[in-house]
N, C-alpha and C. Protein backbone atom coordinates (compact mmCIF):
# COMPACT_ATOMS: atom_id res chain seq x y z
N MET A 1 -66.52 31.14 71.33
CA MET A 1 -67.01 30.41 70.17
C MET A 1 -66.11 30.74 68.97
N VAL A 2 -65.53 29.72 68.38
CA VAL A 2 -64.66 29.90 67.21
C VAL A 2 -65.48 29.81 65.94
N SER A 3 -66.30 28.78 65.85
CA SER A 3 -67.21 28.60 64.71
C SER A 3 -68.45 27.90 65.24
N ARG A 4 -69.39 27.58 64.34
CA ARG A 4 -70.61 26.91 64.79
C ARG A 4 -70.31 25.53 65.38
N SER A 5 -69.28 24.88 64.87
CA SER A 5 -68.98 23.52 65.31
C SER A 5 -67.85 23.45 66.35
N CYS A 6 -67.26 24.59 66.69
CA CYS A 6 -66.12 24.57 67.61
C CYS A 6 -66.28 25.63 68.69
N ARG A 7 -66.35 25.17 69.92
CA ARG A 7 -66.40 26.07 71.08
C ARG A 7 -65.28 25.68 72.03
N ILE A 8 -64.57 26.67 72.53
CA ILE A 8 -63.46 26.42 73.44
C ILE A 8 -63.76 27.09 74.77
N ALA A 9 -63.62 26.34 75.85
CA ALA A 9 -63.86 26.88 77.19
C ALA A 9 -62.73 27.85 77.56
N LEU A 10 -63.08 28.89 78.29
CA LEU A 10 -62.09 29.90 78.68
C LEU A 10 -61.03 29.33 79.62
N ASP A 11 -61.37 28.28 80.38
CA ASP A 11 -60.37 27.72 81.30
C ASP A 11 -59.27 26.93 80.58
N GLU A 12 -59.42 26.71 79.28
CA GLU A 12 -58.37 26.05 78.49
C GLU A 12 -57.31 27.04 78.02
N LEU A 13 -57.59 28.33 78.16
CA LEU A 13 -56.67 29.36 77.70
C LEU A 13 -55.72 29.74 78.83
N GLU A 14 -54.47 29.96 78.49
CA GLU A 14 -53.46 30.36 79.47
C GLU A 14 -53.13 31.84 79.25
N TRP A 15 -53.39 32.66 80.26
CA TRP A 15 -53.19 34.10 80.16
C TRP A 15 -51.90 34.49 80.87
N ARG A 16 -51.20 35.48 80.30
CA ARG A 16 -50.02 36.06 80.92
C ARG A 16 -50.05 37.56 80.71
N PHE A 17 -49.75 38.31 81.76
CA PHE A 17 -49.79 39.77 81.67
C PHE A 17 -48.42 40.32 82.03
N THR A 18 -47.92 41.19 81.18
CA THR A 18 -46.62 41.81 81.42
C THR A 18 -46.71 43.29 81.10
N GLY A 19 -45.66 44.00 81.45
CA GLY A 19 -45.61 45.43 81.16
C GLY A 19 -45.48 45.66 79.67
N SER A 20 -46.20 46.62 79.19
CA SER A 20 -46.18 46.94 77.76
C SER A 20 -45.16 48.03 77.51
N GLY A 21 -44.37 47.90 76.47
CA GLY A 21 -43.41 48.94 76.12
C GLY A 21 -44.08 50.07 75.38
N GLY A 22 -43.31 51.07 75.06
CA GLY A 22 -43.85 52.17 74.27
C GLY A 22 -44.33 53.32 75.13
N PRO A 23 -45.00 54.30 74.52
CA PRO A 23 -45.42 55.49 75.24
C PRO A 23 -46.52 55.21 76.25
N GLY A 24 -46.71 56.11 77.18
CA GLY A 24 -47.76 55.96 78.17
C GLY A 24 -47.35 56.52 79.51
N GLY A 25 -46.09 56.90 79.63
CA GLY A 25 -45.63 57.54 80.86
C GLY A 25 -45.62 56.58 82.03
N GLN A 26 -45.92 57.11 83.21
CA GLN A 26 -45.87 56.30 84.43
C GLN A 26 -46.89 55.17 84.39
N HIS A 27 -48.01 55.40 83.75
CA HIS A 27 -49.04 54.36 83.66
C HIS A 27 -48.48 53.10 83.01
N ALA A 28 -47.77 53.27 81.90
CA ALA A 28 -47.22 52.12 81.17
C ALA A 28 -46.13 51.42 81.98
N ASN A 29 -45.42 52.19 82.81
CA ASN A 29 -44.34 51.60 83.58
C ASN A 29 -44.84 50.81 84.78
N THR A 30 -46.04 51.09 85.26
CA THR A 30 -46.51 50.45 86.49
C THR A 30 -47.60 49.41 86.27
N SER A 31 -48.22 49.38 85.12
CA SER A 31 -49.34 48.44 84.93
C SER A 31 -48.99 47.38 83.89
N ASN A 32 -49.48 46.19 84.13
CA ASN A 32 -49.24 45.07 83.22
C ASN A 32 -50.38 44.99 82.21
N THR A 33 -50.25 45.73 81.12
CA THR A 33 -51.35 45.79 80.15
C THR A 33 -51.12 44.89 78.94
N ARG A 34 -49.89 44.45 78.72
CA ARG A 34 -49.61 43.56 77.58
C ARG A 34 -50.18 42.18 77.89
N VAL A 35 -50.94 41.63 76.94
CA VAL A 35 -51.61 40.34 77.15
C VAL A 35 -51.01 39.31 76.21
N GLU A 36 -50.64 38.17 76.77
CA GLU A 36 -50.17 37.03 75.99
C GLU A 36 -51.14 35.89 76.26
N LEU A 37 -51.73 35.37 75.21
CA LEU A 37 -52.73 34.33 75.32
C LEU A 37 -52.22 33.09 74.61
N ARG A 38 -52.27 31.95 75.31
CA ARG A 38 -51.75 30.71 74.74
C ARG A 38 -52.84 29.65 74.79
N PHE A 39 -52.96 28.89 73.68
CA PHE A 39 -53.95 27.81 73.59
C PHE A 39 -53.24 26.54 73.17
N ASP A 40 -53.38 25.48 73.97
CA ASP A 40 -52.75 24.20 73.71
C ASP A 40 -53.66 23.38 72.79
N ILE A 41 -53.31 23.34 71.51
CA ILE A 41 -54.14 22.64 70.52
C ILE A 41 -54.04 21.14 70.72
N ALA A 42 -52.82 20.64 70.97
CA ALA A 42 -52.60 19.20 71.08
C ALA A 42 -53.33 18.60 72.28
N GLY A 43 -53.47 19.33 73.38
CA GLY A 43 -54.09 18.77 74.58
C GLY A 43 -55.49 19.27 74.87
N SER A 44 -56.13 19.93 73.93
CA SER A 44 -57.46 20.49 74.18
C SER A 44 -58.56 19.44 74.10
N PRO A 45 -59.39 19.32 75.16
CA PRO A 45 -60.52 18.38 75.10
C PRO A 45 -61.71 18.91 74.30
N SER A 46 -61.71 20.21 73.97
CA SER A 46 -62.84 20.80 73.24
C SER A 46 -62.83 20.48 71.76
N LEU A 47 -61.68 20.07 71.23
CA LEU A 47 -61.56 19.85 69.80
C LEU A 47 -61.86 18.40 69.44
N GLY A 48 -62.54 18.22 68.32
CA GLY A 48 -62.76 16.89 67.78
C GLY A 48 -61.51 16.40 67.07
N PRO A 49 -61.46 15.13 66.70
CA PRO A 49 -60.24 14.60 66.06
C PRO A 49 -59.92 15.28 64.72
N ARG A 50 -60.93 15.56 63.91
CA ARG A 50 -60.68 16.23 62.62
C ARG A 50 -60.20 17.66 62.84
N GLN A 51 -60.86 18.36 63.77
CA GLN A 51 -60.46 19.74 64.05
C GLN A 51 -59.03 19.78 64.58
N ARG A 52 -58.72 18.87 65.49
CA ARG A 52 -57.38 18.85 66.08
C ARG A 52 -56.32 18.59 65.00
N SER A 53 -56.57 17.60 64.14
CA SER A 53 -55.58 17.28 63.11
C SER A 53 -55.41 18.45 62.14
N ARG A 54 -56.51 19.11 61.78
CA ARG A 54 -56.42 20.25 60.87
C ARG A 54 -55.64 21.40 61.51
N LEU A 55 -55.93 21.69 62.78
CA LEU A 55 -55.22 22.77 63.47
C LEU A 55 -53.75 22.45 63.67
N LEU A 56 -53.45 21.20 63.98
CA LEU A 56 -52.05 20.80 64.14
C LEU A 56 -51.30 20.96 62.82
N GLU A 57 -51.97 20.64 61.74
CA GLU A 57 -51.36 20.77 60.41
C GLU A 57 -51.17 22.23 60.02
N GLN A 58 -52.18 23.07 60.30
CA GLN A 58 -52.16 24.47 59.88
C GLN A 58 -51.33 25.36 60.81
N ILE A 59 -51.43 25.13 62.14
CA ILE A 59 -50.84 26.04 63.11
C ILE A 59 -49.68 25.41 63.88
N GLY A 60 -49.88 24.18 64.36
CA GLY A 60 -48.88 23.54 65.19
C GLY A 60 -49.49 23.11 66.52
N PRO A 61 -48.66 22.66 67.46
CA PRO A 61 -49.19 22.12 68.72
C PRO A 61 -49.79 23.17 69.65
N SER A 62 -49.39 24.43 69.52
CA SER A 62 -49.99 25.47 70.35
C SER A 62 -50.05 26.78 69.57
N LEU A 63 -50.95 27.64 70.02
CA LEU A 63 -51.15 28.94 69.36
C LEU A 63 -50.93 30.02 70.41
N ARG A 64 -50.09 31.00 70.08
CA ARG A 64 -49.78 32.10 70.99
C ARG A 64 -50.15 33.41 70.32
N VAL A 65 -50.91 34.23 71.03
CA VAL A 65 -51.35 35.52 70.52
C VAL A 65 -50.96 36.60 71.53
N VAL A 66 -50.44 37.72 71.06
CA VAL A 66 -50.02 38.82 71.93
C VAL A 66 -50.74 40.09 71.51
N SER A 67 -51.16 40.87 72.49
CA SER A 67 -51.79 42.15 72.21
C SER A 67 -51.26 43.19 73.20
N SER A 68 -50.76 44.29 72.67
CA SER A 68 -50.27 45.36 73.55
C SER A 68 -50.55 46.73 72.95
N SER A 69 -51.48 46.80 72.01
CA SER A 69 -51.72 48.06 71.31
C SER A 69 -52.56 49.05 72.12
N GLU A 70 -53.33 48.56 73.08
CA GLU A 70 -54.19 49.43 73.88
C GLU A 70 -53.54 49.74 75.22
N ARG A 71 -54.00 50.79 75.88
CA ARG A 71 -53.47 51.14 77.21
C ARG A 71 -54.18 50.36 78.30
N SER A 72 -55.31 49.79 77.99
CA SER A 72 -56.11 49.08 78.98
C SER A 72 -55.92 47.58 78.85
N GLN A 73 -55.76 46.90 79.98
CA GLN A 73 -55.60 45.45 79.96
C GLN A 73 -56.87 44.77 79.44
N SER A 74 -58.03 45.29 79.82
CA SER A 74 -59.28 44.66 79.40
C SER A 74 -59.46 44.74 77.88
N ARG A 75 -59.08 45.87 77.27
CA ARG A 75 -59.18 45.99 75.81
C ARG A 75 -58.16 45.09 75.13
N ASN A 76 -56.97 44.96 75.71
CA ASN A 76 -55.98 44.05 75.15
C ASN A 76 -56.43 42.60 75.28
N ARG A 77 -57.12 42.28 76.38
CA ARG A 77 -57.67 40.92 76.55
C ARG A 77 -58.69 40.63 75.44
N ALA A 78 -59.59 41.57 75.21
CA ALA A 78 -60.62 41.38 74.19
C ALA A 78 -59.98 41.25 72.81
N GLU A 79 -58.96 42.07 72.54
CA GLU A 79 -58.29 42.01 71.23
C GLU A 79 -57.55 40.68 71.06
N ALA A 80 -56.91 40.19 72.12
CA ALA A 80 -56.20 38.92 72.05
C ALA A 80 -57.18 37.77 71.82
N LEU A 81 -58.32 37.81 72.52
CA LEU A 81 -59.34 36.77 72.31
C LEU A 81 -59.85 36.77 70.88
N GLU A 82 -60.08 37.96 70.32
CA GLU A 82 -60.58 38.06 68.95
C GLU A 82 -59.53 37.57 67.95
N ARG A 83 -58.26 37.90 68.19
CA ARG A 83 -57.20 37.41 67.32
C ARG A 83 -57.10 35.89 67.36
N LEU A 84 -57.21 35.33 68.56
CA LEU A 84 -57.17 33.87 68.70
C LEU A 84 -58.34 33.23 67.95
N ARG A 85 -59.54 33.78 68.17
CA ARG A 85 -60.72 33.24 67.50
C ARG A 85 -60.57 33.32 65.98
N SER A 86 -60.06 34.44 65.50
CA SER A 86 -59.90 34.63 64.07
C SER A 86 -58.88 33.64 63.49
N ARG A 87 -57.74 33.48 64.15
CA ARG A 87 -56.71 32.55 63.66
C ARG A 87 -57.23 31.12 63.64
N LEU A 88 -57.95 30.72 64.69
CA LEU A 88 -58.49 29.35 64.73
C LEU A 88 -59.56 29.16 63.66
N ALA A 89 -60.44 30.15 63.49
CA ALA A 89 -61.49 30.05 62.49
C ALA A 89 -60.90 29.96 61.08
N ASP A 90 -59.88 30.76 60.80
CA ASP A 90 -59.23 30.72 59.48
C ASP A 90 -58.59 29.36 59.23
N ALA A 91 -57.97 28.79 60.26
CA ALA A 91 -57.30 27.50 60.10
C ALA A 91 -58.31 26.37 59.94
N LEU A 92 -59.48 26.50 60.57
CA LEU A 92 -60.49 25.45 60.47
C LEU A 92 -61.31 25.54 59.19
N HIS A 93 -61.29 26.69 58.53
CA HIS A 93 -62.10 26.88 57.32
C HIS A 93 -61.58 26.01 56.17
N VAL A 94 -62.49 25.27 55.56
CA VAL A 94 -62.14 24.43 54.42
C VAL A 94 -62.88 24.98 53.21
N ASP A 95 -62.14 25.32 52.16
CA ASP A 95 -62.75 25.83 50.94
C ASP A 95 -63.49 24.70 50.22
N ALA A 96 -64.62 25.05 49.61
CA ALA A 96 -65.37 24.08 48.83
C ALA A 96 -64.56 23.70 47.60
N PRO A 97 -64.61 22.44 47.19
CA PRO A 97 -63.82 22.05 46.02
C PRO A 97 -64.35 22.74 44.76
N ARG A 98 -63.44 23.14 43.89
CA ARG A 98 -63.81 23.81 42.65
C ARG A 98 -64.12 22.80 41.57
N HIS A 99 -65.14 23.08 40.83
CA HIS A 99 -65.52 22.22 39.71
C HIS A 99 -65.32 23.01 38.42
N ALA A 100 -64.61 22.41 37.47
CA ALA A 100 -64.36 23.09 36.21
C ALA A 100 -65.66 23.23 35.43
N THR A 101 -65.89 24.41 34.89
CA THR A 101 -67.08 24.64 34.07
C THR A 101 -66.64 25.26 32.75
N ARG A 102 -67.50 25.19 31.77
CA ARG A 102 -67.20 25.79 30.48
C ARG A 102 -67.85 27.16 30.41
N PRO A 103 -67.19 28.09 29.70
CA PRO A 103 -67.82 29.40 29.54
C PRO A 103 -69.06 29.29 28.64
N THR A 104 -70.07 30.07 28.94
CA THR A 104 -71.28 30.05 28.13
C THR A 104 -71.02 30.76 26.80
N ARG A 105 -71.92 30.57 25.86
CA ARG A 105 -71.79 31.23 24.56
C ARG A 105 -71.82 32.75 24.73
N ALA A 106 -72.70 33.25 25.59
CA ALA A 106 -72.80 34.69 25.83
C ALA A 106 -71.48 35.22 26.41
N ALA A 107 -70.88 34.46 27.31
CA ALA A 107 -69.61 34.90 27.91
C ALA A 107 -68.52 34.98 26.85
N LYS A 108 -68.48 34.00 25.95
CA LYS A 108 -67.49 34.02 24.87
C LYS A 108 -67.71 35.23 23.97
N GLU A 109 -68.99 35.48 23.63
CA GLU A 109 -69.29 36.63 22.77
C GLU A 109 -68.92 37.95 23.44
N ARG A 110 -69.19 38.09 24.74
CA ARG A 110 -68.83 39.30 25.47
C ARG A 110 -67.32 39.50 25.47
N ARG A 111 -66.58 38.42 25.68
CA ARG A 111 -65.12 38.51 25.70
C ARG A 111 -64.59 38.96 24.33
N LEU A 112 -65.11 38.36 23.25
CA LEU A 112 -64.66 38.72 21.91
C LEU A 112 -65.06 40.15 21.55
N ASP A 113 -66.26 40.56 21.98
CA ASP A 113 -66.72 41.92 21.71
C ASP A 113 -65.82 42.93 22.41
N THR A 114 -65.45 42.64 23.65
CA THR A 114 -64.55 43.52 24.40
C THR A 114 -63.19 43.60 23.72
N LYS A 115 -62.70 42.45 23.24
CA LYS A 115 -61.41 42.44 22.55
C LYS A 115 -61.48 43.29 21.28
N ARG A 116 -62.61 43.19 20.54
CA ARG A 116 -62.76 43.97 19.30
C ARG A 116 -62.76 45.46 19.61
N ARG A 117 -63.50 45.86 20.65
CA ARG A 117 -63.57 47.27 21.01
C ARG A 117 -62.20 47.79 21.42
N ARG A 118 -61.48 47.01 22.21
CA ARG A 118 -60.15 47.42 22.66
C ARG A 118 -59.20 47.57 21.46
N SER A 119 -59.33 46.65 20.52
CA SER A 119 -58.52 46.70 19.31
C SER A 119 -58.82 47.97 18.50
N ASP A 120 -60.12 48.31 18.40
CA ASP A 120 -60.50 49.52 17.67
C ASP A 120 -59.94 50.76 18.35
N VAL A 121 -59.97 50.81 19.68
CA VAL A 121 -59.44 51.95 20.43
C VAL A 121 -57.95 52.10 20.14
N LYS A 122 -57.22 51.00 20.18
CA LYS A 122 -55.78 51.06 19.94
C LYS A 122 -55.47 51.42 18.48
N ARG A 123 -56.29 50.92 17.56
CA ARG A 123 -56.08 51.23 16.14
C ARG A 123 -56.31 52.72 15.90
N ALA A 124 -57.26 53.31 16.61
CA ALA A 124 -57.56 54.73 16.43
C ALA A 124 -56.44 55.61 16.96
N ARG A 125 -55.64 55.11 17.89
CA ARG A 125 -54.55 55.89 18.45
C ARG A 125 -53.34 55.96 17.52
N ARG A 126 -53.23 55.02 16.60
CA ARG A 126 -52.06 54.98 15.71
C ARG A 126 -52.05 56.19 14.78
N THR A 127 -50.82 56.55 14.39
CA THR A 127 -50.73 57.63 13.41
C THR A 127 -51.03 57.03 12.04
N PRO A 128 -51.76 57.78 11.21
CA PRO A 128 -52.11 57.24 9.89
C PRO A 128 -50.87 57.10 9.02
N ARG A 129 -50.80 56.05 8.24
CA ARG A 129 -49.66 55.80 7.34
C ARG A 129 -49.89 56.56 6.02
N ASP A 130 -48.80 57.00 5.46
CA ASP A 130 -48.89 57.66 4.14
C ASP A 130 -49.04 56.59 3.07
N THR A 131 -50.08 56.69 2.28
CA THR A 131 -50.28 55.75 1.18
C THR A 131 -49.77 56.39 -0.10
N GLU A 132 -48.87 55.71 -0.80
CA GLU A 132 -48.31 56.27 -2.02
C GLU A 132 -48.81 55.57 -3.23
């Protein structure tokens, strides 16, 4: 599940497992723990037309996610799935349009009061001038 309005079947995802580099000794050399997850946005039947066009605009025709930070393939699978879900959710999110508003009278007064106080603080820091 990517969002409330978007669900993607697991059979639409293409998984690839390879050897992970880095430390781990013999375990890392013999096991395929690095996970590469690919999702075809352009050919997915799970996406609606608006979702597809938004994802194509934001991400492109396909999304590829790689995870190799864990020693376990199952944990890397879970991390790759979460990264994919997060990237798709972020791309599908549409911000609400902003409406210009005017500051209230109280907000204006607070701003001016803060400016006055800051001015007084800075004036108090100055060295006094000699009056002749």
